[in-house]
C-alpha cells in the first residue's frame, strides 16, 4: 500500500521537522500524512482522490459511513497545517497539537483499510 506507507513516512518526517524547528515543513508533512491515508482508503474503494476537493468528499463519505464527526474535524486541522506551510503563522505548540490531531485521524482511518 503505497499511500499508507507514504502517510506513515510523512508523519515521521513531520515529527523530525518539528523537533528541528522547521514549522513550515512539519506542517506540510502533517498535511501529506493526512491526505495519503485518505488516498489509500479512496483507492481501495474506487473513489476519486486526485484533487484537493476530493479530500472533503472522502471525509464526508467516511463520516457518513462511520458516524464519526471527528474525521472531518481532524482533517480540518490538517488543512490548517497545509495553510501554515504558506503563511507560517502558527506557533510551535499549535503545529505540535495539529500533528497530534493528524495522528489521531490516521489512527481512526487505519482500521477502515481493507487488509491486502
PDB file of N, CA and C in Angstrom:
ATOM      1  N   UNK A   1       0.831  -1.184   0.000  1.00  0.00           N
ATOM      2  CA  UNK A   1       0.000   0.000   0.000  1.00  0.00           C
ATOM      3  C   UNK A   1       0.874   1.245   0.000  1.00  0.00           C
ATOM      4  N   UNK A   2       1.081   1.772  -1.162  1.00  0.00           N
ATOM      5  CA  UNK A   2       1.991   2.913  -1.287  1.00  0.00           C
ATOM      6  C   UNK A   2       1.503   4.135  -0.531  1.00  0.00           C
ATOM      7  N   UNK A   3       0.203   4.412  -0.537  1.00  0.00           N
ATOM      8  CA  UNK A   3      -0.303   5.593   0.148  1.00  0.00           C
ATOM      9  C   UNK A   3      -0.207   5.452   1.666  1.00  0.00           C
ATOM     10  N   UNK A   4      -0.502   4.280   2.175  1.00  0.00           N
ATOM     11  CA  UNK A   4      -0.397   4.061   3.615  1.00  0.00           C
ATOM     12  C   UNK A   4       1.053   4.231   4.070  1.00  0.00           C
ATOM     13  N   UNK A   5       1.969   3.679   3.323  1.00  0.00           N
ATOM     14  CA  UNK A   5       3.386   3.823   3.674  1.00  0.00           C
ATOM     15  C   UNK A   5       3.822   5.278   3.588  1.00  0.00           C
ATOM     16  N   UNK A   6       3.339   5.983   2.582  1.00  0.00           N
ATOM     17  CA  UNK A   6       3.677   7.401   2.449  1.00  0.00           C
ATOM     18  C   UNK A   6       3.132   8.192   3.637  1.00  0.00           C
ATOM     19  N   UNK A   7       1.918   7.856   4.078  1.00  0.00           N
ATOM     20  CA  UNK A   7       1.328   8.528   5.231  1.00  0.00           C
ATOM     21  C   UNK A   7       2.207   8.345   6.468  1.00  0.00           C
ATOM     22  N   UNK A   8       2.612   7.123   6.716  1.00  0.00           N
ATOM     23  CA  UNK A   8       3.465   6.835   7.867  1.00  0.00           C
ATOM     24  C   UNK A   8       4.797   7.572   7.758  1.00  0.00           C
ATOM     25  N   UNK A   9       5.357   7.586   6.556  1.00  0.00           N
ATOM     26  CA  UNK A   9       6.626   8.264   6.314  1.00  0.00           C
ATOM     27  C   UNK A   9       6.505   9.771   6.573  1.00  0.00           C
ATOM     28  N   UNK A  10       5.454  10.389   6.025  1.00  0.00           N
ATOM     29  CA  UNK A  10       5.264  11.826   6.211  1.00  0.00           C
ATOM     30  C   UNK A  10       5.032  12.186   7.674  1.00  0.00           C
ATOM     31  N   UNK A  11       4.293  11.345   8.396  1.00  0.00           N
ATOM     32  CA  UNK A  11       4.055  11.630   9.812  1.00  0.00           C
ATOM     33  C   UNK A  11       5.367  11.584  10.601  1.00  0.00           C
ATOM     34  N   UNK A  12       6.201  10.612  10.308  1.00  0.00           N
ATOM     35  CA  UNK A  12       7.503  10.537  10.968  1.00  0.00           C
ATOM     36  C   UNK A  12       8.360  11.753  10.615  1.00  0.00           C
ATOM     37  N   UNK A  13       8.347  12.139   9.349  1.00  0.00           N
ATOM     38  CA  UNK A  13       9.105  13.316   8.930  1.00  0.00           C
ATOM     39  C   UNK A  13       8.592  14.579   9.611  1.00  0.00           C
ATOM     40  N   UNK A  14       7.277  14.667   9.783  1.00  0.00           N
ATOM     41  CA  UNK A  14       6.693  15.843  10.431  1.00  0.00           C
ATOM     42  C   UNK A  14       7.250  15.989  11.841  1.00  0.00           C
ATOM     43  N   UNK A  15       7.341  14.888  12.553  1.00  0.00           N
ATOM     44  CA  UNK A  15       7.907  14.933  13.898  1.00  0.00           C
ATOM     45  C   UNK A  15       9.355  15.381  13.893  1.00  0.00           C
ATOM     46  N   UNK A  16      10.112  14.912  12.920  1.00  0.00           N
ATOM     47  CA  UNK A  16      11.519  15.312  12.815  1.00  0.00           C
ATOM     48  C   UNK A  16      11.648  16.801  12.496  1.00  0.00           C
ATOM     49  N   UNK A  17      10.808  17.280  11.583  1.00  0.00           N
ATOM     50  CA  UNK A  17      10.855  18.700  11.207  1.00  0.00           C
ATOM     51  C   UNK A  17      10.436  19.576  12.389  1.00  0.00           C
ATOM     52  N   UNK A  18       9.441  19.127  13.139  1.00  0.00           N
ATOM     53  CA  UNK A  18       9.007  19.872  14.325  1.00  0.00           C
ATOM     54  C   UNK A  18      10.151  19.951  15.335  1.00  0.00           C
ATOM     55  N   UNK A  19      10.807  18.831  15.582  1.00  0.00           N
ATOM     56  CA  UNK A  19      11.926  18.799  16.532  1.00  0.00           C
ATOM     57  C   UNK A  19      13.065  19.711  16.089  1.00  0.00           C
ATOM     58  N   UNK A  20      13.234  19.827  14.768  1.00  0.00           N
ATOM     59  CA  UNK A  20      14.292  20.677  14.226  1.00  0.00           C
ATOM     60  C   UNK A  20      13.875  22.147  14.175  1.00  0.00           C
ATOM     61  N   UNK A  21      12.606  22.427  14.480  1.00  0.00           N
ATOM     62  CA  UNK A  21      12.142  23.804  14.485  1.00  0.00           C
ATOM     63  C   UNK A  21      11.636  24.319  13.155  1.00  0.00           C
ATOM     64  N   UNK A  22      11.529  23.457  12.165  1.00  0.00           N
ATOM     65  CA  UNK A  22      11.021  23.884  10.863  1.00  0.00           C
ATOM     66  C   UNK A  22       9.506  23.669  10.830  1.00  0.00           C
ATOM     67  N   UNK A  23       8.788  24.672  11.297  1.00  0.00           N
ATOM     68  CA  UNK A  23       7.341  24.563  11.448  1.00  0.00           C
ATOM     69  C   UNK A  23       6.622  24.477  10.107  1.00  0.00           C
ATOM     70  N   UNK A  24       7.155  25.141   9.090  1.00  0.00           N
ATOM     71  CA  UNK A  24       6.514  25.069   7.776  1.00  0.00           C
ATOM     72  C   UNK A  24       6.593  23.649   7.222  1.00  0.00           C
ATOM     73  N   UNK A  25       7.753  23.056   7.274  1.00  0.00           N
ATOM     74  CA  UNK A  25       7.899  21.698   6.747  1.00  0.00           C
ATOM     75  C   UNK A  25       7.153  20.681   7.610  1.00  0.00           C
ATOM     76  N   UNK A  26       7.167  20.873   8.919  1.00  0.00           N
ATOM     77  CA  UNK A  26       6.402  19.978   9.799  1.00  0.00           C
ATOM     78  C   UNK A  26       4.925  20.046   9.446  1.00  0.00           C
ATOM     79  N   UNK A  27       4.435  21.251   9.201  1.00  0.00           N
ATOM     80  CA  UNK A  27       3.034  21.443   8.849  1.00  0.00           C
ATOM     81  C   UNK A  27       2.697  20.743   7.539  1.00  0.00           C
ATOM     82  N   UNK A  28       3.535  20.921   6.555  1.00  0.00           N
ATOM     83  CA  UNK A  28       3.247  20.327   5.239  1.00  0.00           C
ATOM     84  C   UNK A  28       3.338  18.808   5.278  1.00  0.00           C
ATOM     85  N   UNK A  29       4.260  18.286   6.055  1.00  0.00           N
ATOM     86  CA  UNK A  29       4.352  16.828   6.176  1.00  0.00           C
ATOM     87  C   UNK A  29       3.120  16.280   6.914  1.00  0.00           C
ATOM     88  N   UNK A  30       2.594  17.041   7.871  1.00  0.00           N
ATOM     89  CA  UNK A  30       1.358  16.626   8.525  1.00  0.00           C
ATOM     90  C   UNK A  30       0.203  16.568   7.550  1.00  0.00           C
ATOM     91  N   UNK A  31       0.087  17.578   6.713  1.00  0.00           N
ATOM     92  CA  UNK A  31      -0.928  17.588   5.654  1.00  0.00           C
ATOM     93  C   UNK A  31      -0.740  16.380   4.747  1.00  0.00           C
ATOM     94  N   UNK A  32       0.474  16.134   4.353  1.00  0.00           N
ATOM     95  CA  UNK A  32       0.752  14.994   3.472  1.00  0.00           C
ATOM     96  C   UNK A  32       0.362  13.673   4.115  1.00  0.00           C
ATOM     97  N   UNK A  33       0.645  13.527   5.400  1.00  0.00           N
ATOM     98  CA  UNK A  33       0.285  12.289   6.090  1.00  0.00           C
ATOM     99  C   UNK A  33      -1.223  12.077   6.071  1.00  0.00           C
ATOM    100  N   UNK A  34      -1.979  13.152   6.303  1.00  0.00           N
ATOM    101  CA  UNK A  34      -3.441  13.048   6.319  1.00  0.00           C
ATOM    102  C   UNK A  34      -3.987  12.712   4.934  1.00  0.00           C
ATOM    103  N   UNK A  35      -3.494  13.385   3.918  1.00  0.00           N
ATOM    104  CA  UNK A  35      -4.041  13.150   2.575  1.00  0.00           C
ATOM    105  C   UNK A  35      -3.659  11.774   2.041  1.00  0.00           C
ATOM    106  N   UNK A  36      -2.501  11.295   2.397  1.00  0.00           N
ATOM    107  CA  UNK A  36      -2.086   9.989   1.890  1.00  0.00           C
ATOM    108  C   UNK A  36      -2.932   8.853   2.460  1.00  0.00           C
ATOM    109  N   UNK A  37      -3.342   8.959   3.726  1.00  0.00           N
ATOM    110  CA  UNK A  37      -4.196   7.911   4.290  1.00  0.00           C
ATOM    111  C   UNK A  37      -5.581   7.980   3.644  1.00  0.00           C
ATOM    112  N   UNK A  38      -6.050   9.196   3.343  1.00  0.00           N
ATOM    113  CA  UNK A  38      -7.324   9.325   2.639  1.00  0.00           C
ATOM    114  C   UNK A  38      -7.234   8.717   1.244  1.00  0.00           C
ATOM    115  N   UNK A  39      -6.117   8.941   0.567  1.00  0.00           N
ATOM    116  CA  UNK A  39      -5.916   8.356  -0.762  1.00  0.00           C
ATOM    117  C   UNK A  39      -5.910   6.831  -0.699  1.00  0.00           C
ATOM    118  N   UNK A  40      -5.302   6.282   0.342  1.00  0.00           N
ATOM    119  CA  UNK A  40      -5.249   4.823   0.479  1.00  0.00           C
ATOM    120  C   UNK A  40      -6.657   4.243   0.574  1.00  0.00           C
ATOM    121  N   UNK A  41      -7.489   4.865   1.403  1.00  0.00           N
ATOM    122  CA  UNK A  41      -8.858   4.379   1.563  1.00  0.00           C
ATOM    123  C   UNK A  41      -9.652   4.583   0.280  1.00  0.00           C
ATOM    124  N   UNK A  42      -9.532   5.762  -0.296  1.00  0.00           N
ATOM    125  CA  UNK A  42     -10.285   6.073  -1.517  1.00  0.00           C
ATOM    126  C   UNK A  42      -9.905   5.136  -2.662  1.00  0.00           C
ATOM    127  N   UNK A  43      -8.632   4.852  -2.795  1.00  0.00           N
ATOM    128  CA  UNK A  43      -8.203   3.967  -3.883  1.00  0.00           C
ATOM    129  C   UNK A  43      -8.802   2.571  -3.717  1.00  0.00           C
ATOM    130  N   UNK A  44      -8.812   2.061  -2.499  1.00  0.00           N
ATOM    131  CA  UNK A  44      -9.389   0.736  -2.254  1.00  0.00           C
ATOM    132  C   UNK A  44     -10.875   0.692  -2.581  1.00  0.00           C
ATOM    133  N   UNK A  45     -11.534   1.821  -2.407  1.00  0.00           N
ATOM    134  CA  UNK A  45     -12.984   1.858  -2.599  1.00  0.00           C
ATOM    135  C   UNK A  45     -13.390   2.361  -3.977  1.00  0.00           C
ATOM    136  N   UNK A  46     -12.414   2.693  -4.790  1.00  0.00           N
ATOM    137  CA  UNK A  46     -12.714   3.171  -6.133  1.00  0.00           C
ATOM    138  C   UNK A  46     -13.216   4.610  -6.173  1.00  0.00           C
ATOM    139  N   UNK A  47     -12.898   5.385  -5.139  1.00  0.00           N
ATOM    140  CA  UNK A  47     -13.309   6.787  -5.081  1.00  0.00           C
ATOM    141  C   UNK A  47     -12.221   7.663  -5.684  1.00  0.00           C
ATOM    142  N   UNK A  48     -12.641   8.793  -6.259  1.00  0.00           N
ATOM    143  CA  UNK A  48     -11.671   9.750  -6.788  1.00  0.00           C
ATOM    144  C   UNK A  48     -10.857  10.335  -5.639  1.00  0.00           C
ATOM    145  N   UNK A  49      -9.569  10.576  -5.933  1.00  0.00           N
ATOM    146  CA  UNK A  49      -8.699  11.104  -4.874  1.00  0.00           C
ATOM    147  C   UNK A  49      -7.521  11.891  -5.418  1.00  0.00           C
ATOM    148  N   UNK A  50      -7.656  12.425  -6.619  1.00  0.00           N
ATOM    149  CA  UNK A  50      -6.504  13.092  -7.215  1.00  0.00           C
ATOM    150  C   UNK A  50      -6.584  14.622  -7.201  1.00  0.00           C
ATOM    151  N   UNK A  51      -7.527  15.186  -6.458  1.00  0.00           N
ATOM    152  CA  UNK A  51      -7.654  16.639  -6.343  1.00  0.00           C
ATOM    153  C   UNK A  51      -7.962  16.996  -4.885  1.00  0.00           C
ATOM    154  N   UNK A  52      -7.595  18.229  -4.523  1.00  0.00           N
ATOM    155  CA  UNK A  52      -7.869  18.693  -3.158  1.00  0.00           C
ATOM    156  C   UNK A  52      -9.350  18.560  -2.815  1.00  0.00           C
ATOM    157  N   UNK A  53     -10.218  18.900  -3.749  1.00  0.00           N
ATOM    158  CA  UNK A  53     -11.652  18.863  -3.464  1.00  0.00           C
ATOM    159  C   UNK A  53     -12.143  17.458  -3.153  1.00  0.00           C
ATOM    160  N   UNK A  54     -11.437  16.457  -3.620  1.00  0.00           N
ATOM    161  CA  UNK A  54     -11.836  15.082  -3.345  1.00  0.00           C
ATOM    162  C   UNK A  54     -11.664  14.718  -1.877  1.00  0.00           C
ATOM    163  N   UNK A  55     -10.728  15.350  -1.197  1.00  0.00           N
ATOM    164  CA  UNK A  55     -10.494  15.017   0.205  1.00  0.00           C
ATOM    165  C   UNK A  55     -11.720  15.334   1.058  1.00  0.00           C
ATOM    166  N   UNK A  56     -12.382  16.440   0.769  1.00  0.00           N
ATOM    167  CA  UNK A  56     -13.603  16.773   1.510  1.00  0.00           C
ATOM    168  C   UNK A  56     -14.696  15.748   1.250  1.00  0.00           C
ATOM    169  N   UNK A  57     -14.791  15.317   0.020  1.00  0.00           N
ATOM    170  CA  UNK A  57     -15.776  14.290  -0.325  1.00  0.00           C
ATOM    171  C   UNK A  57     -15.461  12.980   0.393  1.00  0.00           C
ATOM    172  N   UNK A  58     -14.206  12.619   0.413  1.00  0.00           N
ATOM    173  CA  UNK A  58     -13.789  11.378   1.078  1.00  0.00           C
ATOM    174  C   UNK A  58     -14.113  11.458   2.566  1.00  0.00           C
ATOM    175  N   UNK A  59     -13.762  12.570   3.204  1.00  0.00           N
ATOM    176  CA  UNK A  59     -14.034  12.677   4.634  1.00  0.00           C
ATOM    177  C   UNK A  59     -15.530  12.684   4.917  1.00  0.00           C
ATOM    178  N   UNK A  60     -16.306  13.290   4.041  1.00  0.00           N
ATOM    179  CA  UNK A  60     -17.769  13.280   4.224  1.00  0.00           C
ATOM    180  C   UNK A  60     -18.324  11.868   4.102  1.00  0.00           C
ATOM    181  N   UNK A  61     -17.841  11.134   3.126  1.00  0.00           N
ATOM    182  CA  UNK A  61     -18.307   9.758   2.944  1.00  0.00           C
ATOM    183  C   UNK A  61     -17.919   8.877   4.131  1.00  0.00           C
ATOM    184  N   UNK A  62     -16.714   9.070   4.625  1.00  0.00           N
ATOM    185  CA  UNK A  62     -16.266   8.274   5.769  1.00  0.00           C
ATOM    186  C   UNK A  62     -17.027   8.650   7.033  1.00  0.00           C
ATOM    187  N   UNK A  63     -17.336   9.927   7.176  1.00  0.00           N
ATOM    188  CA  UNK A  63     -18.139  10.354   8.325  1.00  0.00           C
ATOM    189  C   UNK A  63     -19.524   9.717   8.262  1.00  0.00           C
ATOM    190  N   UNK A  64     -20.134   9.709   7.085  1.00  0.00           N
ATOM    191  CA  UNK A  64     -21.459   9.104   6.931  1.00  0.00           C
ATOM    192  C   UNK A  64     -21.405   7.603   7.208  1.00  0.00           C
ATOM    193  N   UNK A  65     -20.341   6.975   6.757  1.00  0.00           N
ATOM    194  CA  UNK A  65     -20.185   5.523   6.928  1.00  0.00           C
ATOM    195  C   UNK A  65     -19.987   5.136   8.391  1.00  0.00           C
ATOM    196  N   UNK A  66     -19.184   5.934   9.096  1.00  0.00           N
ATOM    197  CA  UNK A  66     -18.803   5.568  10.463  1.00  0.00           C
ATOM    198  C   UNK A  66     -19.615   6.283  11.533  1.00  0.00           C
ATOM    199  N   UNK A  67     -20.245   7.396  11.173  1.00  0.00           N
ATOM    200  CA  UNK A  67     -20.932   8.219  12.163  1.00  0.00           C
ATOM    201  C   UNK A  67     -19.984   9.024  13.026  1.00  0.00           C
ATOM    202  N   UNK A  68     -18.723   9.084  12.656  1.00  0.00           N
ATOM    203  CA  UNK A  68     -17.686   9.741  13.448  1.00  0.00           C
ATOM    204  C   UNK A  68     -17.396  11.137  12.891  1.00  0.00           C
ATOM    205  N   UNK A  69     -17.968  12.146  13.538  1.00  0.00           N
ATOM    206  CA  UNK A  69     -17.753  13.521  13.112  1.00  0.00           C
ATOM    207  C   UNK A  69     -16.342  14.016  13.325  1.00  0.00           C
ATOM    208  N   UNK A  70     -15.583  13.322  14.152  1.00  0.00           N
ATOM    209  CA  UNK A  70     -14.192  13.734  14.372  1.00  0.00           C
ATOM    210  C   UNK A  70     -13.350  13.601  13.112  1.00  0.00           C
ATOM    211  N   UNK A  71     -13.771  12.757  12.191  1.00  0.00           N
ATOM    212  CA  UNK A  71     -12.990  12.591  10.960  1.00  0.00           C
ATOM    213  C   UNK A  71     -12.860  13.931  10.241  1.00  0.00           C
ATOM    214  N   UNK A  72     -13.959  14.637  10.063  1.00  0.00           N
ATOM    215  CA  UNK A  72     -13.910  15.936   9.382  1.00  0.00           C
ATOM    216  C   UNK A  72     -13.167  16.958  10.233  1.00  0.00           C
ATOM    217  N   UNK A  73     -13.427  16.980  11.529  1.00  0.00           N
ATOM    218  CA  UNK A  73     -12.760  17.949  12.405  1.00  0.00           C
ATOM    219  C   UNK A  73     -11.248  17.765  12.376  1.00  0.00           C
ATOM    220  N   UNK A  74     -10.809  16.534  12.482  1.00  0.00           N
ATOM    221  CA  UNK A  74      -9.375  16.262  12.468  1.00  0.00           C
ATOM    222  C   UNK A  74      -8.768  16.588  11.107  1.00  0.00           C
ATOM    223  N   UNK A  75      -9.500  16.303  10.045  1.00  0.00           N
ATOM    224  CA  UNK A  75      -8.995  16.650   8.717  1.00  0.00           C
ATOM    225  C   UNK A  75      -8.888  18.167   8.559  1.00  0.00           C
ATOM    226  N   UNK A  76      -9.827  18.897   9.135  1.00  0.00           N
ATOM    227  CA  UNK A  76      -9.736  20.358   9.053  1.00  0.00           C
ATOM    228  C   UNK A  76      -8.486  20.880   9.750  1.00  0.00           C
ATOM    229  N   UNK A  77      -8.035  20.198  10.770  1.00  0.00           N
ATOM    230  CA  UNK A  77      -6.763  20.560  11.392  1.00  0.00           C
ATOM    231  C   UNK A  77      -5.622  20.351  10.403  1.00  0.00           C
ATOM    232  N   UNK A  78      -5.669  19.256   9.656  1.00  0.00           N
ATOM    233  CA  UNK A  78      -4.645  19.015   8.638  1.00  0.00           C
ATOM    234  C   UNK A  78      -4.675  20.115   7.577  1.00  0.00           C
ATOM    235  N   UNK A  79      -5.864  20.565   7.224  1.00  0.00           N
ATOM    236  CA  UNK A  79      -5.985  21.666   6.259  1.00  0.00           C
ATOM    237  C   UNK A  79      -5.344  22.938   6.806  1.00  0.00           C
ATOM    238  N   UNK A  80      -5.509  23.179   8.103  1.00  0.00           N
ATOM    239  CA  UNK A  80      -4.882  24.351   8.724  1.00  0.00           C
ATOM    240  C   UNK A  80      -3.359  24.230   8.676  1.00  0.00           C
ATOM    241  N   UNK A  81      -2.856  23.023   8.865  1.00  0.00           N
ATOM    242  CA  UNK A  81      -1.409  22.819   8.747  1.00  0.00           C
ATOM    243  C   UNK A  81      -0.935  23.117   7.328  1.00  0.00           C
ATOM    244  N   UNK A  82      -1.704  22.690   6.342  1.00  0.00           N
ATOM    245  CA  UNK A  82      -1.354  22.955   4.941  1.00  0.00           C
ATOM    246  C   UNK A  82      -1.295  24.465   4.696  1.00  0.00           C
ATOM    247  N   UNK A  83      -2.252  25.183   5.231  1.00  0.00           N
ATOM    248  CA  UNK A  83      -2.256  26.637   5.098  1.00  0.00           C
ATOM    249  C   UNK A  83      -1.034  27.238   5.787  1.00  0.00           C
ATOM    250  N   UNK A  84      -0.645  26.662   6.918  1.00  0.00           N
ATOM    251  CA  UNK A  84       0.514  27.185   7.633  1.00  0.00           C
ATOM    252  C   UNK A  84       1.798  27.043   6.824  1.00  0.00           C
ATOM    253  N   UNK A  85       1.866  26.050   5.962  1.00  0.00           N
ATOM    254  CA  UNK A  85       3.044  25.917   5.104  1.00  0.00           C
ATOM    255  C   UNK A  85       3.248  27.198   4.292  1.00  0.00           C
ATOM    256  N   UNK A  86       2.156  27.800   3.860  1.00  0.00           N
ATOM    257  CA  UNK A  86       2.240  29.022   3.046  1.00  0.00           C
ATOM    258  C   UNK A  86       2.305  30.288   3.884  1.00  0.00           C
ATOM    259  N   UNK A  87       1.615  30.305   5.011  1.00  0.00           N
ATOM    260  CA  UNK A  87       1.509  31.529   5.814  1.00  0.00           C
ATOM    261  C   UNK A  87       2.520  31.596   6.951  1.00  0.00           C
ATOM    262  N   UNK A  88       2.946  30.450   7.468  1.00  0.00           N
ATOM    263  CA  UNK A  88       3.929  30.371   8.550  1.00  0.00           C
ATOM    264  C   UNK A  88       3.563  31.270   9.728  1.00  0.00           C
ATOM    265  N   UNK A  89       2.336  31.106  10.208  1.00  0.00           N
ATOM    266  CA  UNK A  89       1.865  31.927  11.314  1.00  0.00           C
ATOM    267  C   UNK A  89       1.616  31.134  12.601  1.00  0.00           C
ATOM    268  N   UNK A  90       1.653  29.827  12.547  1.00  0.00           N
ATOM    269  CA  UNK A  90       1.364  29.018  13.731  1.00  0.00           C
ATOM    270  C   UNK A  90       2.580  28.962  14.650  1.00  0.00           C
ATOM    271  N   UNK A  91       2.278  28.888  15.936  1.00  0.00           N
ATOM    272  CA  UNK A  91       3.322  28.693  16.936  1.00  0.00           C
ATOM    273  C   UNK A  91       3.679  27.205  16.981  1.00  0.00           C
ATOM    274  N   UNK A  92       4.838  26.902  17.535  1.00  0.00           N
ATOM    275  CA  UNK A  92       5.301  25.517  17.608  1.00  0.00           C
ATOM    276  C   UNK A  92       4.289  24.619  18.327  1.00  0.00           C
ATOM    277  N   UNK A  93       3.690  25.145  19.402  1.00  0.00           N
ATOM    278  CA  UNK A  93       2.714  24.352  20.156  1.00  0.00           C
ATOM    279  C   UNK A  93       1.495  24.017  19.305  1.00  0.00           C
ATOM    280  N   UNK A  94       1.088  24.972  18.464  1.00  0.00           N
ATOM    281  CA  UNK A  94      -0.069  24.752  17.594  1.00  0.00           C
ATOM    282  C   UNK A  94       0.236  23.705  16.527  1.00  0.00           C
ATOM    283  N   UNK A  95       1.436  23.759  15.988  1.00  0.00           N
ATOM    284  CA  UNK A  95       1.834  22.754  14.993  1.00  0.00           C
ATOM    285  C   UNK A  95       1.899  21.382  15.667  1.00  0.00           C
ATOM    286  N   UNK A  96       2.463  21.322  16.860  1.00  0.00           N
ATOM    287  CA  UNK A  96       2.536  20.051  17.586  1.00  0.00           C
ATOM    288  C   UNK A  96       1.140  19.499  17.853  1.00  0.00           C
ATOM    289  N   UNK A  97       0.221  20.354  18.288  1.00  0.00           N
ATOM    290  CA  UNK A  97      -1.159  19.915  18.514  1.00  0.00           C
ATOM    291  C   UNK A  97      -1.797  19.450  17.203  1.00  0.00           C
ATOM    292  N   UNK A  98      -1.519  20.172  16.136  1.00  0.00           N
ATOM    293  CA  UNK A  98      -2.059  19.793  14.829  1.00  0.00           C
ATOM    294  C   UNK A  98      -1.545  18.433  14.385  1.00  0.00           C
ATOM    295  N   UNK A  99      -0.283  18.179  14.618  1.00  0.00           N
ATOM    296  CA  UNK A  99       0.280  16.873  14.251  1.00  0.00           C
ATOM    297  C   UNK A  99      -0.309  15.762  15.113  1.00  0.00           C
ATOM    298  N   UNK A 100      -0.616  16.071  16.363  1.00  0.00           N
ATOM    299  CA  UNK A 100      -1.285  15.078  17.214  1.00  0.00           C
ATOM    300  C   UNK A 100      -2.673  14.761  16.659  1.00  0.00           C
ATOM    301  N   UNK A 101      -3.359  15.777  16.145  1.00  0.00           N
ATOM    302  CA  UNK A 101      -4.668  15.547  15.525  1.00  0.00           C
ATOM    303  C   UNK A 101      -4.537  14.721  14.246  1.00  0.00           C
ATOM    304  N   UNK A 102      -3.508  14.972  13.478  1.00  0.00           N
ATOM    305  CA  UNK A 102      -3.285  14.172  12.265  1.00  0.00           C
ATOM    306  C   UNK A 102      -3.046  12.715  12.644  1.00  0.00           C
ATOM    307  N   UNK A 103      -2.253  12.496  13.690  1.00  0.00           N
ATOM    308  CA  UNK A 103      -2.031  11.124  14.157  1.00  0.00           C
ATOM    309  C   UNK A 103      -3.338  10.483  14.594  1.00  0.00           C
ATOM    310  N   UNK A 104      -4.174  11.236  15.296  1.00  0.00           N
ATOM    311  CA  UNK A 104      -5.477  10.712  15.725  1.00  0.00           C
ATOM    312  C   UNK A 104      -6.342  10.372  14.521  1.00  0.00           C
ATOM    313  N   UNK A 105      -6.299  11.204  13.487  1.00  0.00           N
ATOM    314  CA  UNK A 105      -7.053  10.931  12.263  1.00  0.00           C
ATOM    315  C   UNK A 105      -6.570   9.636  11.615  1.00  0.00           C
ATOM    316  N   UNK A 106      -5.276   9.494  11.492  1.00  0.00           N
ATOM    317  CA  UNK A 106      -4.712   8.288  10.890  1.00  0.00           C
ATOM    318  C   UNK A 106      -5.097   7.056  11.706  1.00  0.00           C
ATOM    319  N   UNK A 107      -5.029   7.174  13.020  1.00  0.00           N
ATOM    320  CA  UNK A 107      -5.414   6.050  13.886  1.00  0.00           C
ATOM    321  C   UNK A 107      -6.878   5.663  13.690  1.00  0.00           C
ATOM    322  N   UNK A 108      -7.732   6.635  13.448  1.00  0.00           N
ATOM    323  CA  UNK A 108      -9.152   6.353  13.192  1.00  0.00           C
ATOM    324  C   UNK A 108      -9.353   5.693  11.826  1.00  0.00           C
ATOM    325  N   UNK A 109      -8.543   6.102  10.856  1.00  0.00           N
ATOM    326  CA  UNK A 109      -8.762   5.652   9.485  1.00  0.00           C
ATOM    327  C   UNK A 109      -8.077   4.327   9.152  1.00  0.00           C
ATOM    328  N   UNK A 110      -6.990   4.023   9.817  1.00  0.00           N
ATOM    329  CA  UNK A 110      -6.273   2.775   9.509  1.00  0.00           C
ATOM    330  C   UNK A 110      -7.176   1.531   9.573  1.00  0.00           C
ATOM    331  N   UNK A 111      -8.053   1.408  10.566  1.00  0.00           N
ATOM    332  CA  UNK A 111      -8.913   0.216  10.603  1.00  0.00           C
ATOM    333  C   UNK A 111      -9.894   0.133   9.429  1.00  0.00           C
ATOM    334  N   UNK A 112     -10.099   1.239   8.718  1.00  0.00           N
ATOM    335  CA  UNK A 112     -11.013   1.227   7.587  1.00  0.00           C
ATOM    336  C   UNK A 112     -10.368   0.685   6.318  1.00  0.00           C
ATOM    337  N   UNK A 113      -9.055   0.531   6.357  1.00  0.00           N
ATOM    338  CA  UNK A 113      -8.352  -0.030   5.200  1.00  0.00           C
ATOM    339  C   UNK A 113      -8.547  -1.539   5.175  1.00  0.00           C
ATOM    340  N   UNK A 114      -8.892  -2.037   4.019  1.00  0.00           N
ATOM    341  CA  UNK A 114      -9.030  -3.476   3.857  1.00  0.00           C
ATOM    342  C   UNK A 114      -7.649  -4.106   3.866  1.00  0.00           C
ATOM    343  N   UNK A 115      -7.510  -5.229   4.538  1.00  0.00           N
ATOM    344  CA  UNK A 115      -6.223  -5.931   4.557  1.00  0.00           C
ATOM    345  C   UNK A 115      -5.996  -6.539   3.183  1.00  0.00           C
ATOM    346  N   UNK A 116      -4.779  -6.421   2.744  1.00  0.00           N
ATOM    347  CA  UNK A 116      -4.448  -6.995   1.425  1.00  0.00           C
ATOM    348  C   UNK A 116      -3.508  -8.154   1.583  1.00  0.00           C
TER     349      UNK A 116
END
